[in-house]
Amino acid sequence: MEAELKNKSDNYIQLKENENILKLWIRDSEGNETGEYLKFNLEDIELPLKFQTLIEEDKRARTDLKNQLVIIDKKQDHKGKKLFSSKEEAKIKAMRDFYKKEEEVYNMFLGENGVKKLLNGEALSWTSLEAIDKIIEEQIMPHLEINASNIKDKIIAKYSTKGNDVIE
């Protein structure tokens, strides 16, 4: 039995830890660690494309929201179903849909539940979107920019043949 266990443990493989993993630990607004973090594989060739998609989808969502609000403002206002007028209810619904879409777009880049982790469970708002944009710009993008050239260099070194610069 003991020999079986020894042989069984010999049948495992494990990748060594990747030094190109960026972990950004999250603190709440009071500076206390939440135990959550965002994790980025800086060698992920898709990461810059995800960032580009984030920018494009964010711009599209903001334009759509602006257009929806203009249309709502042009409509006749009347008493709503509950507390607000029909225009106010329509604006709230448009904003709710906007925030839902934005959370999906940002999570595509930040990782699963990245927005909730950053907001420590708070609701997404215009102010928090601006704060997340600042975090991405100041704390994530510098790492991506540095590693983009490193990835290219590693690919060239691995796949180029001596005297053949086809990849470059």
Protein backbone atom coordinates (compact mmCIF):
# COMPACT_ATOMS: atom_id res chain seq x y z
CA MET A 1 0.00 0.00 0.00
CA GLU A 2 2.79 2.41 0.92
CA ALA A 3 4.58 1.68 -2.35
CA GLU A 4 1.30 2.36 -4.17
CA LEU A 5 1.03 5.80 -2.56
CA LYS A 6 4.62 6.62 -3.41
CA ASN A 7 4.09 5.64 -7.03
CA LYS A 8 0.82 7.55 -7.14
CA SER A 9 2.54 10.76 -6.01
CA ASP A 10 5.12 10.22 -8.75
CA ASN A 11 2.32 10.36 -11.33
CA TYR A 12 1.46 14.03 -10.76
CA ILE A 13 2.65 16.97 -12.77
CA GLN A 14 2.56 20.57 -11.68
CA LEU A 15 3.49 23.76 -13.43
CA LYS A 16 5.90 25.97 -11.60
CA GLU A 17 4.50 29.27 -10.42
CA ASN A 18 4.47 31.86 -13.18
CA GLU A 19 6.43 34.96 -12.25
CA ASN A 20 4.39 36.94 -14.76
CA ILE A 21 1.22 36.78 -12.68
CA LEU A 22 0.21 40.18 -11.33
CA LYS A 23 -1.85 40.06 -8.14
CA LEU A 24 -3.31 43.33 -6.95
CA TRP A 25 -4.62 42.99 -3.41
CA ILE A 26 -7.70 45.07 -2.66
CA ARG A 27 -8.32 47.38 0.28
CA ASP A 28 -11.63 48.95 1.22
CA SER A 29 -12.18 52.72 1.37
CA GLU A 30 -10.82 52.77 4.92
CA GLY A 31 -7.57 51.04 3.95
CA ASN A 32 -8.41 47.62 5.40
CA GLU A 33 -7.49 44.55 3.38
CA THR A 34 -10.54 42.75 2.02
CA GLY A 35 -8.76 39.47 1.30
CA GLU A 36 -9.72 39.82 -2.36
CA TYR A 37 -7.40 40.44 -5.27
CA LEU A 38 -7.37 40.88 -9.01
CA LYS A 39 -5.15 38.45 -10.87
CA PHE A 40 -3.67 39.07 -14.33
CA ASN A 41 -1.49 36.74 -16.34
CA LEU A 42 0.78 39.28 -17.98
CA GLU A 43 1.78 36.75 -20.64
CA ASP A 44 -1.85 36.29 -21.71
CA ILE A 45 -1.80 37.37 -25.33
CA GLU A 46 -5.56 38.07 -25.11
CA LEU A 47 -5.21 40.62 -22.29
CA PRO A 48 -4.46 43.63 -24.52
CA LEU A 49 -7.37 42.61 -26.76
CA LYS A 50 -9.65 42.40 -23.71
CA PHE A 51 -8.56 45.90 -22.73
CA GLN A 52 -9.26 47.19 -26.23
CA THR A 53 -12.72 45.56 -26.12
CA LEU A 54 -13.32 47.18 -22.72
CA ILE A 55 -12.61 50.62 -24.17
CA GLU A 56 -14.79 50.04 -27.24
CA GLU A 57 -17.74 48.55 -25.33
CA ASP A 58 -17.54 51.23 -22.63
CA LYS A 59 -17.68 53.96 -25.26
CA ARG A 60 -20.60 52.22 -26.99
CA ALA A 61 -22.52 51.82 -23.71
CA ARG A 62 -22.02 55.49 -22.80
CA THR A 63 -23.20 56.61 -26.24
CA ASP A 64 -26.24 54.33 -26.01
CA LEU A 65 -27.09 55.70 -22.57
CA LYS A 66 -26.77 59.28 -23.76
CA ASN A 67 -29.06 58.55 -26.72
CA GLN A 68 -31.61 56.81 -24.50
CA LEU A 69 -31.68 59.76 -22.11
CA VAL A 70 -32.23 62.21 -24.99
CA ILE A 71 -35.15 60.11 -26.26
CA ILE A 72 -36.64 59.88 -22.76
CA ASP A 73 -36.41 63.66 -22.32
CA LYS A 74 -38.34 64.19 -25.55
CA LYS A 75 -41.25 61.99 -24.42
CA GLN A 76 -44.38 63.28 -22.71
CA ASP A 77 -44.12 62.92 -18.93
CA HIS A 78 -46.92 61.58 -16.76
CA LYS A 79 -47.43 59.95 -13.38
CA GLY A 80 -45.49 56.73 -13.09
CA LYS A 81 -46.53 53.43 -11.57
CA LYS A 82 -45.04 54.21 -8.19
CA LEU A 83 -43.17 57.15 -6.69
CA PHE A 84 -41.50 58.65 -9.76
CA SER A 85 -42.83 60.08 -13.01
CA SER A 86 -42.71 57.94 -16.13
CA LYS A 87 -39.63 59.81 -17.42
CA GLU A 88 -37.80 59.39 -14.11
CA GLU A 89 -38.63 55.67 -14.05
CA ALA A 90 -37.39 55.29 -17.64
CA LYS A 91 -34.13 57.09 -16.77
CA ILE A 92 -33.58 54.88 -13.73
CA LYS A 93 -34.17 51.78 -15.84
CA ALA A 94 -31.76 53.06 -18.52
CA MET A 95 -29.09 53.72 -15.88
CA ARG A 96 -29.65 50.30 -14.28
CA ASP A 97 -29.22 48.61 -17.67
CA PHE A 98 -26.13 50.72 -18.35
CA TYR A 99 -24.49 49.71 -15.05
CA LYS A 100 -25.31 46.05 -15.66
CA LYS A 101 -23.67 46.21 -19.11
CA GLU A 102 -20.67 48.10 -17.74
CA GLU A 103 -20.14 45.52 -15.00
CA GLU A 104 -20.10 42.74 -17.60
CA VAL A 105 -17.64 44.66 -19.79
CA TYR A 106 -15.28 45.52 -16.93
CA ASN A 107 -15.42 41.96 -15.55
CA MET A 108 -14.37 40.65 -18.94
CA PHE A 109 -11.07 42.50 -18.39
CA LEU A 110 -10.76 42.46 -14.59
CA GLY A 111 -11.79 38.83 -14.17
CA GLU A 112 -14.77 37.12 -12.62
CA ASN A 113 -16.52 39.45 -10.14
CA GLY A 114 -13.66 41.95 -10.52
CA VAL A 115 -15.99 44.94 -10.18
CA LYS A 116 -17.66 43.55 -7.03
CA LYS A 117 -14.24 42.84 -5.54
CA LEU A 118 -13.05 46.39 -6.21
CA LEU A 119 -16.25 47.91 -4.86
CA ASN A 120 -16.29 45.61 -1.84
CA GLY A 121 -19.89 44.70 -2.56
CA GLU A 122 -21.10 48.28 -3.09
CA ALA A 123 -23.34 49.13 -6.03
CA LEU A 124 -21.72 50.34 -9.24
CA SER A 125 -22.11 54.08 -9.81
CA TRP A 126 -20.74 56.76 -12.12
CA THR A 127 -18.18 57.76 -9.49
CA SER A 128 -17.05 54.18 -8.94
CA LEU A 129 -16.65 53.68 -12.72
CA GLU A 130 -14.32 56.69 -12.77
CA ALA A 131 -12.38 55.24 -9.82
CA ILE A 132 -12.05 51.86 -11.57
CA ASP A 133 -10.84 53.61 -14.74
CA LYS A 134 -8.17 55.37 -12.66
CA ILE A 135 -7.08 52.08 -11.07
CA ILE A 136 -6.77 50.46 -14.50
CA GLU A 137 -4.83 53.42 -15.89
CA GLU A 138 -2.44 53.86 -12.98
CA GLN A 139 -1.97 50.38 -11.52
CA ILE A 140 -2.68 47.83 -14.25
CA MET A 141 -1.77 49.39 -17.58
CA PRO A 142 1.88 50.13 -16.72
CA HIS A 143 2.40 46.38 -16.14
CA LEU A 144 0.65 45.48 -19.40
CA GLU A 145 2.71 47.94 -21.43
CA ILE A 146 6.00 46.62 -20.02
CA ASN A 147 5.06 43.00 -20.62
CA ALA A 148 3.69 43.50 -24.15
CA SER A 149 7.23 43.98 -25.46
CA ASN A 150 8.52 41.15 -23.24
CA ILE A 151 5.97 38.74 -24.75
CA LYS A 152 7.03 39.69 -28.27
CA ASP A 153 10.69 39.18 -27.39
CA LYS A 154 9.98 35.75 -25.83
CA ILE A 155 7.98 34.63 -28.87
CA ILE A 156 10.74 35.74 -31.24
CA ALA A 157 13.41 34.05 -29.12
CA LYS A 158 11.48 30.79 -28.96
CA TYR A 159 10.32 30.46 -32.55
CA SER A 160 12.89 32.23 -34.66
CA THR A 161 15.65 30.24 -36.28
CA LYS A 162 19.18 31.49 -36.55
CA GLY A 163 19.60 33.71 -39.57
CA ASN A 164 15.85 33.80 -40.21
CA ASP A 165 14.03 36.95 -39.03
CA VAL A 166 10.63 36.05 -40.47
CA ILE A 167 8.81 36.67 -37.17
CA GLU A 168 10.13 40.19 -36.76
